[in-house]
Amino acid sequence: MDQSARPARLEHPVVARMREHRAGDLQLRVADQITRFAGSMVFIYIHVVVFAAWMVLVESTPWPTLTLVVSLEAIFLSTFVLIGQNRAAAFQQAKADHDFT
C-alpha cells in the first residue's frame, strides 16, 4: 500500500504536546531511552550473561562486589522508574485538564 494513501495518524493534542516537549529536552530523551532499554528482555539477557561470567570466570568470591554492584544498579534503575511514573502522571493530568476544558 502506498504510504501517501494512508490517512494521517491522529493524536490527542496532549500527546502531541508531550511528545514535542520530551523530544526537545536531551535529559528526558536519555531517561526515556534508558527506561525503554531497562524494561526489555535484552536487558535481562545481558545481565544474566555478564553476572554469570563474572561469578564463574572473573572472581573467586564474587558476592561482596556483586552485592555492591547490584545495589548501585538498583538505586539508579529505581530512579528511572520514578522518572517514568512522573512522566505518566504528568501526561494523565495534562490529558484530564485538556478533556475537562
PDB file of N, CA and C in Angstrom:
ATOM      1  N   MET A   1       0.851  -1.178   0.000  1.00  0.00           N
ATOM      2  CA  MET A   1       0.000   0.000   0.000  1.00  0.00           C
ATOM      3  C   MET A   1       0.896   1.240   0.000  1.00  0.00           C
ATOM      4  N   ASP A   2       0.523   2.199  -0.776  1.00  0.00           N
ATOM      5  CA  ASP A   2       1.276   3.441  -0.892  1.00  0.00           C
ATOM      6  C   ASP A   2       1.177   4.232   0.416  1.00  0.00           C
ATOM      7  N   GLN A   3       2.327   4.711   0.928  1.00  0.00           N
ATOM      8  CA  GLN A   3       2.363   5.461   2.177  1.00  0.00           C
ATOM      9  C   GLN A   3       1.516   6.729   2.098  1.00  0.00           C
ATOM     10  N   SER A   4       1.509   7.366   0.944  1.00  0.00           N
ATOM     11  CA  SER A   4       0.761   8.612   0.816  1.00  0.00           C
ATOM     12  C   SER A   4      -0.748   8.377   0.842  1.00  0.00           C
ATOM     13  N   ALA A   5      -1.190   7.144   0.600  1.00  0.00           N
ATOM     14  CA  ALA A   5      -2.616   6.851   0.586  1.00  0.00           C
ATOM     15  C   ALA A   5      -3.172   6.633   1.998  1.00  0.00           C
ATOM     16  N   ARG A   6      -2.287   6.452   2.976  1.00  0.00           N
ATOM     17  CA  ARG A   6      -2.741   6.239   4.346  1.00  0.00           C
ATOM     18  C   ARG A   6      -3.178   7.563   4.966  1.00  0.00           C
ATOM     19  N   PRO A   7      -4.233   7.502   5.773  1.00  0.00           N
ATOM     20  CA  PRO A   7      -4.643   8.735   6.460  1.00  0.00           C
ATOM     21  C   PRO A   7      -3.611   9.112   7.519  1.00  0.00           C
ATOM     22  N   ALA A   8      -3.511  10.398   7.786  1.00  0.00           N
ATOM     23  CA  ALA A   8      -2.573  10.874   8.796  1.00  0.00           C
ATOM     24  C   ALA A   8      -2.978  10.333  10.161  1.00  0.00           C
ATOM     25  N   ARG A   9      -1.988   9.993  10.962  1.00  0.00           N
ATOM     26  CA  ARG A   9      -2.256   9.471  12.299  1.00  0.00           C
ATOM     27  C   ARG A   9      -2.716  10.623  13.187  1.00  0.00           C
ATOM     28  N   LEU A  10      -3.869  10.451  13.780  1.00  0.00           N
ATOM     29  CA  LEU A  10      -4.411  11.479  14.651  1.00  0.00           C
ATOM     30  C   LEU A  10      -3.959  11.204  16.084  1.00  0.00           C
ATOM     31  N   GLU A  11      -3.516  12.254  16.733  1.00  0.00           N
ATOM     32  CA  GLU A  11      -3.102  12.141  18.119  1.00  0.00           C
ATOM     33  C   GLU A  11      -3.877  13.130  18.954  1.00  0.00           C
ATOM     34  N   HIS A  12      -4.084  12.747  20.162  1.00  0.00           N
ATOM     35  CA  HIS A  12      -4.666  13.664  21.132  1.00  0.00           C
ATOM     36  C   HIS A  12      -3.723  14.861  21.235  1.00  0.00           C
ATOM     37  N   PRO A  13      -4.238  16.074  21.324  1.00  0.00           N
ATOM     38  CA  PRO A  13      -3.361  17.253  21.394  1.00  0.00           C
ATOM     39  C   PRO A  13      -2.350  17.192  22.537  1.00  0.00           C
ATOM     40  N   VAL A  14      -2.741  16.603  23.643  1.00  0.00           N
ATOM     41  CA  VAL A  14      -1.818  16.486  24.786  1.00  0.00           C
ATOM     42  C   VAL A  14      -0.681  15.532  24.444  1.00  0.00           C
ATOM     43  N   VAL A  15      -0.996  14.460  23.723  1.00  0.00           N
ATOM     44  CA  VAL A  15       0.047  13.505  23.323  1.00  0.00           C
ATOM     45  C   VAL A  15       1.069  14.215  22.438  1.00  0.00           C
ATOM     46  N   ALA A  16       0.592  14.965  21.475  1.00  0.00           N
ATOM     47  CA  ALA A  16       1.499  15.681  20.573  1.00  0.00           C
ATOM     48  C   ALA A  16       2.342  16.697  21.337  1.00  0.00           C
ATOM     49  N   ARG A  17       1.723  17.430  22.254  1.00  0.00           N
ATOM     50  CA  ARG A  17       2.451  18.433  23.032  1.00  0.00           C
ATOM     51  C   ARG A  17       3.499  17.789  23.938  1.00  0.00           C
ATOM     52  N   MET A  18       3.147  16.690  24.593  1.00  0.00           N
ATOM     53  CA  MET A  18       4.107  15.992  25.466  1.00  0.00           C
ATOM     54  C   MET A  18       5.253  15.393  24.654  1.00  0.00           C
ATOM     55  N   ARG A  19       4.942  14.835  23.484  1.00  0.00           N
ATOM     56  CA  ARG A  19       5.982  14.262  22.622  1.00  0.00           C
ATOM     57  C   ARG A  19       6.981  15.348  22.197  1.00  0.00           C
ATOM     58  N   GLU A  20       6.460  16.517  21.823  1.00  0.00           N
ATOM     59  CA  GLU A  20       7.340  17.626  21.421  1.00  0.00           C
ATOM     60  C   GLU A  20       8.197  18.098  22.593  1.00  0.00           C
ATOM     61  N   HIS A  21       7.592  18.176  23.766  1.00  0.00           N
ATOM     62  CA  HIS A  21       8.330  18.605  24.957  1.00  0.00           C
ATOM     63  C   HIS A  21       9.471  17.632  25.271  1.00  0.00           C
ATOM     64  N   ARG A  22       9.192  16.342  25.236  1.00  0.00           N
ATOM     65  CA  ARG A  22      10.210  15.339  25.556  1.00  0.00           C
ATOM     66  C   ARG A  22      11.282  15.279  24.481  1.00  0.00           C
ATOM     67  N   ALA A  23      10.896  15.501  23.235  1.00  0.00           N
ATOM     68  CA  ALA A  23      11.877  15.474  22.148  1.00  0.00           C
ATOM     69  C   ALA A  23      12.828  16.664  22.230  1.00  0.00           C
ATOM     70  N   GLY A  24      12.386  17.754  22.831  1.00  0.00           N
ATOM     71  CA  GLY A  24      13.215  18.951  22.910  1.00  0.00           C
ATOM     72  C   GLY A  24      14.170  18.985  24.090  1.00  0.00           C
ATOM     73  N   ASP A  25      14.095  18.006  24.977  1.00  0.00           N
ATOM     74  CA  ASP A  25      14.927  18.001  26.181  1.00  0.00           C
ATOM     75  C   ASP A  25      15.840  16.774  26.169  1.00  0.00           C
ATOM     76  N   LEU A  26      17.143  17.003  26.070  1.00  0.00           N
ATOM     77  CA  LEU A  26      18.118  15.907  25.996  1.00  0.00           C
ATOM     78  C   LEU A  26      18.028  14.984  27.206  1.00  0.00           C
ATOM     79  N   GLN A  27      17.894  15.546  28.399  1.00  0.00           N
ATOM     80  CA  GLN A  27      17.827  14.715  29.603  1.00  0.00           C
ATOM     81  C   GLN A  27      16.615  13.785  29.576  1.00  0.00           C
ATOM     82  N   LEU A  28      15.489  14.294  29.119  1.00  0.00           N
ATOM     83  CA  LEU A  28      14.288  13.462  29.048  1.00  0.00           C
ATOM     84  C   LEU A  28      14.440  12.373  27.989  1.00  0.00           C
ATOM     85  N   ARG A  29      15.077  12.704  26.869  1.00  0.00           N
ATOM     86  CA  ARG A  29      15.306  11.689  25.826  1.00  0.00           C
ATOM     87  C   ARG A  29      16.215  10.578  26.341  1.00  0.00           C
ATOM     88  N   VAL A  30      17.270  10.947  27.065  1.00  0.00           N
ATOM     89  CA  VAL A  30      18.183   9.946  27.629  1.00  0.00           C
ATOM     90  C   VAL A  30      17.441   9.078  28.636  1.00  0.00           C
ATOM     91  N   ALA A  31      16.671   9.696  29.516  1.00  0.00           N
ATOM     92  CA  ALA A  31      15.902   8.935  30.507  1.00  0.00           C
ATOM     93  C   ALA A  31      14.918   7.984  29.827  1.00  0.00           C
ATOM     94  N   ASP A  32      14.272   8.441  28.760  1.00  0.00           N
ATOM     95  CA  ASP A  32      13.337   7.583  28.024  1.00  0.00           C
ATOM     96  C   ASP A  32      14.049   6.377  27.416  1.00  0.00           C
ATOM     97  N   GLN A  33      15.222   6.612  26.839  1.00  0.00           N
ATOM     98  CA  GLN A  33      15.976   5.511  26.228  1.00  0.00           C
ATOM     99  C   GLN A  33      16.428   4.501  27.278  1.00  0.00           C
ATOM    100  N   ILE A  34      16.918   4.984  28.403  1.00  0.00           N
ATOM    101  CA  ILE A  34      17.354   4.071  29.459  1.00  0.00           C
ATOM    102  C   ILE A  34      16.173   3.287  30.004  1.00  0.00           C
ATOM    103  N   THR A  35      15.065   3.967  30.239  1.00  0.00           N
ATOM    104  CA  THR A  35      13.874   3.287  30.748  1.00  0.00           C
ATOM    105  C   THR A  35      13.376   2.241  29.763  1.00  0.00           C
ATOM    106  N   ARG A  36      13.371   2.588  28.484  1.00  0.00           N
ATOM    107  CA  ARG A  36      12.925   1.643  27.452  1.00  0.00           C
ATOM    108  C   ARG A  36      13.842   0.416  27.421  1.00  0.00           C
ATOM    109  N   PHE A  37      15.161   0.643  27.490  1.00  0.00           N
ATOM    110  CA  PHE A  37      16.107  -0.471  27.454  1.00  0.00           C
ATOM    111  C   PHE A  37      16.024  -1.315  28.732  1.00  0.00           C
ATOM    112  N   ALA A  38      15.933  -0.655  29.892  1.00  0.00           N
ATOM    113  CA  ALA A  38      15.886  -1.385  31.159  1.00  0.00           C
ATOM    114  C   ALA A  38      14.613  -2.213  31.294  1.00  0.00           C
ATOM    115  N   GLY A  39      13.594  -1.868  30.556  1.00  0.00           N
ATOM    116  CA  GLY A  39      12.346  -2.626  30.592  1.00  0.00           C
ATOM    117  C   GLY A  39      12.254  -3.688  29.511  1.00  0.00           C
ATOM    118  N   SER A  40      13.379  -4.057  28.934  1.00  0.00           N
ATOM    119  CA  SER A  40      13.358  -5.046  27.842  1.00  0.00           C
ATOM    120  C   SER A  40      13.985  -6.369  28.273  1.00  0.00           C
ATOM    121  N   MET A  41      13.675  -7.413  27.550  1.00  0.00           N
ATOM    122  CA  MET A  41      14.272  -8.716  27.823  1.00  0.00           C
ATOM    123  C   MET A  41      15.754  -8.724  27.461  1.00  0.00           C
ATOM    124  N   VAL A  42      16.180  -7.911  26.524  1.00  0.00           N
ATOM    125  CA  VAL A  42      17.603  -7.825  26.184  1.00  0.00           C
ATOM    126  C   VAL A  42      18.399  -7.408  27.419  1.00  0.00           C
ATOM    127  N   PHE A  43      17.864  -6.481  28.192  1.00  0.00           N
ATOM    128  CA  PHE A  43      18.491  -6.039  29.433  1.00  0.00           C
ATOM    129  C   PHE A  43      18.689  -7.228  30.379  1.00  0.00           C
ATOM    130  N   ILE A  44      17.681  -8.048  30.516  1.00  0.00           N
ATOM    131  CA  ILE A  44      17.753  -9.234  31.384  1.00  0.00           C
ATOM    132  C   ILE A  44      18.802 -10.205  30.866  1.00  0.00           C
ATOM    133  N   TYR A  45      18.774 -10.500  29.572  1.00  0.00           N
ATOM    134  CA  TYR A  45      19.737 -11.448  28.997  1.00  0.00           C
ATOM    135  C   TYR A  45      21.177 -10.979  29.193  1.00  0.00           C
ATOM    136  N   ILE A  46      21.411  -9.698  28.964  1.00  0.00           N
ATOM    137  CA  ILE A  46      22.761  -9.156  29.148  1.00  0.00           C
ATOM    138  C   ILE A  46      23.208  -9.328  30.598  1.00  0.00           C
ATOM    139  N   HIS A  47      22.321  -9.036  31.531  1.00  0.00           N
ATOM    140  CA  HIS A  47      22.686  -9.170  32.937  1.00  0.00           C
ATOM    141  C   HIS A  47      22.958 -10.621  33.330  1.00  0.00           C
ATOM    142  N   VAL A  48      22.153 -11.526  32.847  1.00  0.00           N
ATOM    143  CA  VAL A  48      22.380 -12.938  33.158  1.00  0.00           C
ATOM    144  C   VAL A  48      23.756 -13.371  32.660  1.00  0.00           C
ATOM    145  N   VAL A  49      24.086 -13.036  31.434  1.00  0.00           N
ATOM    146  CA  VAL A  49      25.374 -13.439  30.855  1.00  0.00           C
ATOM    147  C   VAL A  49      26.531 -12.762  31.581  1.00  0.00           C
ATOM    148  N   VAL A  50      26.446 -11.442  31.794  1.00  0.00           N
ATOM    149  CA  VAL A  50      27.552 -10.715  32.428  1.00  0.00           C
ATOM    150  C   VAL A  50      27.762 -11.186  33.863  1.00  0.00           C
ATOM    151  N   PHE A  51      26.696 -11.299  34.630  1.00  0.00           N
ATOM    152  CA  PHE A  51      26.861 -11.712  36.023  1.00  0.00           C
ATOM    153  C   PHE A  51      27.337 -13.155  36.130  1.00  0.00           C
ATOM    154  N   ALA A  52      26.822 -14.028  35.288  1.00  0.00           N
ATOM    155  CA  ALA A  52      27.278 -15.429  35.315  1.00  0.00           C
ATOM    156  C   ALA A  52      28.757 -15.516  34.950  1.00  0.00           C
ATOM    157  N   ALA A  53      29.157 -14.814  33.909  1.00  0.00           N
ATOM    158  CA  ALA A  53      30.571 -14.838  33.502  1.00  0.00           C
ATOM    159  C   ALA A  53      31.449 -14.247  34.602  1.00  0.00           C
ATOM    160  N   TRP A  54      30.983 -13.186  35.204  1.00  0.00           N
ATOM    161  CA  TRP A  54      31.754 -12.560  36.270  1.00  0.00           C
ATOM    162  C   TRP A  54      31.939 -13.513  37.450  1.00  0.00           C
ATOM    163  N   MET A  55      30.857 -14.179  37.859  1.00  0.00           N
ATOM    164  CA  MET A  55      30.924 -15.080  39.007  1.00  0.00           C
ATOM    165  C   MET A  55      31.772 -16.314  38.719  1.00  0.00           C
ATOM    166  N   VAL A  56      31.726 -16.794  37.493  1.00  0.00           N
ATOM    167  CA  VAL A  56      32.445 -18.027  37.166  1.00  0.00           C
ATOM    168  C   VAL A  56      33.883 -17.752  36.738  1.00  0.00           C
ATOM    169  N   LEU A  57      34.096 -16.713  35.943  1.00  0.00           N
ATOM    170  CA  LEU A  57      35.403 -16.520  35.328  1.00  0.00           C
ATOM    171  C   LEU A  57      36.276 -15.449  35.981  1.00  0.00           C
ATOM    172  N   VAL A  58      35.698 -14.422  36.538  1.00  0.00           N
ATOM    173  CA  VAL A  58      36.490 -13.272  36.958  1.00  0.00           C
ATOM    174  C   VAL A  58      36.895 -13.341  38.428  1.00  0.00           C
ATOM    175  N   GLU A  59      35.955 -13.561  39.315  1.00  0.00           N
ATOM    176  CA  GLU A  59      36.261 -13.508  40.735  1.00  0.00           C
ATOM    177  C   GLU A  59      36.007 -14.842  41.403  1.00  0.00           C
ATOM    178  N   SER A  60      36.889 -15.198  42.319  1.00  0.00           N
ATOM    179  CA  SER A  60      36.705 -16.456  43.042  1.00  0.00           C
ATOM    180  C   SER A  60      35.655 -16.307  44.147  1.00  0.00           C
ATOM    181  N   THR A  61      35.547 -15.109  44.736  1.00  0.00           N
ATOM    182  CA  THR A  61      34.498 -14.825  45.731  1.00  0.00           C
ATOM    183  C   THR A  61      33.765 -13.548  45.305  1.00  0.00           C
ATOM    184  N   PRO A  62      32.812 -13.689  44.393  1.00  0.00           N
ATOM    185  CA  PRO A  62      32.185 -12.502  43.792  1.00  0.00           C
ATOM    186  C   PRO A  62      31.120 -11.826  44.650  1.00  0.00           C
ATOM    187  N   TRP A  63      30.692 -12.433  45.751  1.00  0.00           N
ATOM    188  CA  TRP A  63      29.492 -11.949  46.436  1.00  0.00           C
ATOM    189  C   TRP A  63      29.595 -10.542  47.003  1.00  0.00           C
ATOM    190  N   PRO A  64      30.688 -10.156  47.688  1.00  0.00           N
ATOM    191  CA  PRO A  64      30.706  -8.769  48.200  1.00  0.00           C
ATOM    192  C   PRO A  64      30.649  -7.719  47.083  1.00  0.00           C
ATOM    193  N   THR A  65      31.443  -7.906  46.050  1.00  0.00           N
ATOM    194  CA  THR A  65      31.444  -6.941  44.949  1.00  0.00           C
ATOM    195  C   THR A  65      30.137  -6.998  44.174  1.00  0.00           C
ATOM    196  N   LEU A  66      29.622  -8.193  43.959  1.00  0.00           N
ATOM    197  CA  LEU A  66      28.353  -8.350  43.245  1.00  0.00           C
ATOM    198  C   LEU A  66      27.231  -7.657  43.996  1.00  0.00           C
ATOM    199  N   THR A  67      27.218  -7.783  45.312  1.00  0.00           N
ATOM    200  CA  THR A  67      26.193  -7.122  46.125  1.00  0.00           C
ATOM    201  C   THR A  67      26.265  -5.610  45.956  1.00  0.00           C
ATOM    202  N   LEU A  68      27.468  -5.066  45.975  1.00  0.00           N
ATOM    203  CA  LEU A  68      27.647  -3.630  45.791  1.00  0.00           C
ATOM    204  C   LEU A  68      27.154  -3.183  44.416  1.00  0.00           C
ATOM    205  N   VAL A  69      27.575  -3.880  43.382  1.00  0.00           N
ATOM    206  CA  VAL A  69      27.210  -3.504  42.012  1.00  0.00           C
ATOM    207  C   VAL A  69      25.696  -3.586  41.807  1.00  0.00           C
ATOM    208  N   VAL A  70      25.097  -4.666  42.259  1.00  0.00           N
ATOM    209  CA  VAL A  70      23.650  -4.838  42.069  1.00  0.00           C
ATOM    210  C   VAL A  70      22.873  -3.795  42.871  1.00  0.00           C
ATOM    211  N   SER A  71      23.352  -3.460  44.071  1.00  0.00           N
ATOM    212  CA  SER A  71      22.675  -2.437  44.876  1.00  0.00           C
ATOM    213  C   SER A  71      22.739  -1.071  44.202  1.00  0.00           C
ATOM    214  N   LEU A  72      23.899  -0.716  43.693  1.00  0.00           N
ATOM    215  CA  LEU A  72      24.027   0.567  42.999  1.00  0.00           C
ATOM    216  C   LEU A  72      23.157   0.609  41.750  1.00  0.00           C
ATOM    217  N   GLU A  73      23.133  -0.490  41.018  1.00  0.00           N
ATOM    218  CA  GLU A  73      22.296  -0.537  39.818  1.00  0.00           C
ATOM    219  C   GLU A  73      20.821  -0.401  40.184  1.00  0.00           C
ATOM    220  N   ALA A  74      20.411  -1.030  41.272  1.00  0.00           N
ATOM    221  CA  ALA A  74      19.019  -0.932  41.710  1.00  0.00           C
ATOM    222  C   ALA A  74      18.646   0.505  42.072  1.00  0.00           C
ATOM    223  N   ILE A  75      19.571   1.225  42.687  1.00  0.00           N
ATOM    224  CA  ILE A  75      19.309   2.626  43.026  1.00  0.00           C
ATOM    225  C   ILE A  75      19.056   3.438  41.763  1.00  0.00           C
ATOM    226  N   PHE A  76      19.920   3.273  40.771  1.00  0.00           N
ATOM    227  CA  PHE A  76      19.753   4.040  39.537  1.00  0.00           C
ATOM    228  C   PHE A  76      18.504   3.616  38.772  1.00  0.00           C
ATOM    229  N   LEU A  77      18.247   2.322  38.684  1.00  0.00           N
ATOM    230  CA  LEU A  77      17.063   1.868  37.958  1.00  0.00           C
ATOM    231  C   LEU A  77      15.779   2.322  38.626  1.00  0.00           C
ATOM    232  N   SER A  78      15.749   2.327  39.947  1.00  0.00           N
ATOM    233  CA  SER A  78      14.541   2.805  40.631  1.00  0.00           C
ATOM    234  C   SER A  78      14.304   4.286  40.346  1.00  0.00           C
ATOM    235  N   THR A  79      15.380   5.046  40.187  1.00  0.00           N
ATOM    236  CA  THR A  79      15.236   6.451  39.821  1.00  0.00           C
ATOM    237  C   THR A  79      14.597   6.590  38.445  1.00  0.00           C
ATOM    238  N   PHE A  80      15.008   5.752  37.499  1.00  0.00           N
ATOM    239  CA  PHE A  80      14.409   5.811  36.171  1.00  0.00           C
ATOM    240  C   PHE A  80      12.947   5.355  36.185  1.00  0.00           C
ATOM    241  N   VAL A  81      12.612   4.423  37.062  1.00  0.00           N
ATOM    242  CA  VAL A  81      11.210   4.029  37.218  1.00  0.00           C
ATOM    243  C   VAL A  81      10.395   5.217  37.714  1.00  0.00           C
ATOM    244  N   LEU A  82      10.938   5.944  38.687  1.00  0.00           N
ATOM    245  CA  LEU A  82      10.232   7.125  39.196  1.00  0.00           C
ATOM    246  C   LEU A  82      10.089   8.196  38.131  1.00  0.00           C
ATOM    247  N   ILE A  83      11.110   8.381  37.312  1.00  0.00           N
ATOM    248  CA  ILE A  83      11.009   9.336  36.207  1.00  0.00           C
ATOM    249  C   ILE A  83       9.878   8.935  35.267  1.00  0.00           C
ATOM    250  N   GLY A  84       9.796   7.647  34.950  1.00  0.00           N
ATOM    251  CA  GLY A  84       8.721   7.160  34.088  1.00  0.00           C
ATOM    252  C   GLY A  84       7.350   7.354  34.708  1.00  0.00           C
ATOM    253  N   GLN A  85       7.234   7.114  36.020  1.00  0.00           N
ATOM    254  CA  GLN A  85       5.958   7.314  36.697  1.00  0.00           C
ATOM    255  C   GLN A  85       5.570   8.791  36.727  1.00  0.00           C
ATOM    256  N   ASN A  86       6.547   9.651  36.957  1.00  0.00           N
ATOM    257  CA  ASN A  86       6.266  11.090  36.929  1.00  0.00           C
ATOM    258  C   ASN A  86       5.799  11.527  35.549  1.00  0.00           C
ATOM    259  N   ARG A  87       6.436  10.979  34.510  1.00  0.00           N
ATOM    260  CA  ARG A  87       6.035  11.308  33.141  1.00  0.00           C
ATOM    261  C   ARG A  87       4.605  10.863  32.890  1.00  0.00           C
ATOM    262  N   ALA A  88       4.280   9.637  33.303  1.00  0.00           N
ATOM    263  CA  ALA A  88       2.928   9.121  33.091  1.00  0.00           C
ATOM    264  C   ALA A  88       1.894   9.940  33.863  1.00  0.00           C
ATOM    265  N   ALA A  89       2.231  10.328  35.098  1.00  0.00           N
ATOM    266  CA  ALA A  89       1.302  11.133  35.893  1.00  0.00           C
ATOM    267  C   ALA A  89       1.097  12.508  35.271  1.00  0.00           C
ATOM    268  N   ALA A  90       2.172  13.117  34.797  1.00  0.00           N
ATOM    269  CA  ALA A  90       2.055  14.437  34.154  1.00  0.00           C
ATOM    270  C   ALA A  90       1.208  14.343  32.894  1.00  0.00           C
ATOM    271  N   PHE A  91       1.401  13.273  32.126  1.00  0.00           N
ATOM    272  CA  PHE A  91       0.611  13.088  30.911  1.00  0.00           C
ATOM    273  C   PHE A  91      -0.868  12.926  31.253  1.00  0.00           C
ATOM    274  N   GLN A  92      -1.165  12.086  32.231  1.00  0.00           N
ATOM    275  CA  GLN A  92      -2.564  11.860  32.609  1.00  0.00           C
ATOM    276  C   GLN A  92      -3.215  13.141  33.118  1.00  0.00           C
ATOM    277  N   GLN A  93      -2.452  13.919  33.888  1.00  0.00           N
ATOM    278  CA  GLN A  93      -3.008  15.184  34.387  1.00  0.00           C
ATOM    279  C   GLN A  93      -3.249  16.163  33.241  1.00  0.00           C
ATOM    280  N   ALA A  94      -2.290  16.271  32.331  1.00  0.00           N
ATOM    281  CA  ALA A  94      -2.452  17.182  31.196  1.00  0.00           C
ATOM    282  C   ALA A  94      -3.629  16.748  30.318  1.00  0.00           C
ATOM    283  N   LYS A  95      -3.776  15.456  30.114  1.00  0.00           N
ATOM    284  CA  LYS A  95      -4.897  14.949  29.305  1.00  0.00           C
ATOM    285  C   LYS A  95      -6.225  15.218  30.003  1.00  0.00           C
ATOM    286  N   ALA A  96      -6.279  14.998  31.307  1.00  0.00           N
ATOM    287  CA  ALA A  96      -7.504  15.258  32.054  1.00  0.00           C
ATOM    288  C   ALA A  96      -7.861  16.745  32.022  1.00  0.00           C
ATOM    289  N   ASP A  97      -6.826  17.595  32.175  1.00  0.00           N
ATOM    290  CA  ASP A  97      -7.077  19.047  32.100  1.00  0.00           C
ATOM    291  C   ASP A  97      -7.591  19.440  30.714  1.00  0.00           C
ATOM    292  N   HIS A  98      -7.015  18.876  29.669  1.00  0.00           N
ATOM    293  CA  HIS A  98      -7.456  19.191  28.308  1.00  0.00           C
ATOM    294  C   HIS A  98      -8.879  18.707  28.075  1.00  0.00           C
ATOM    295  N   ASP A  99      -9.172  17.497  28.491  1.00  0.00           N
ATOM    296  CA  ASP A  99     -10.509  16.931  28.275  1.00  0.00           C
ATOM    297  C   ASP A  99     -11.571  17.649  29.100  1.00  0.00           C
ATOM    298  N   PHE A 100     -11.180  18.217  30.237  1.00  0.00           N
ATOM    299  CA  PHE A 100     -12.119  18.914  31.100  1.00  0.00           C
ATOM    300  C   PHE A 100     -12.563  20.237  30.512  1.00  0.00           C
ATOM    301  N   THR A 101     -11.630  20.903  29.803  1.00  0.00           N
ATOM    302  CA  THR A 101     -11.973  22.230  29.263  1.00  0.00           C
ATOM    303  C   THR A 101     -12.754  22.152  27.988  1.00  0.00           C
TER     304      THR A 101
END
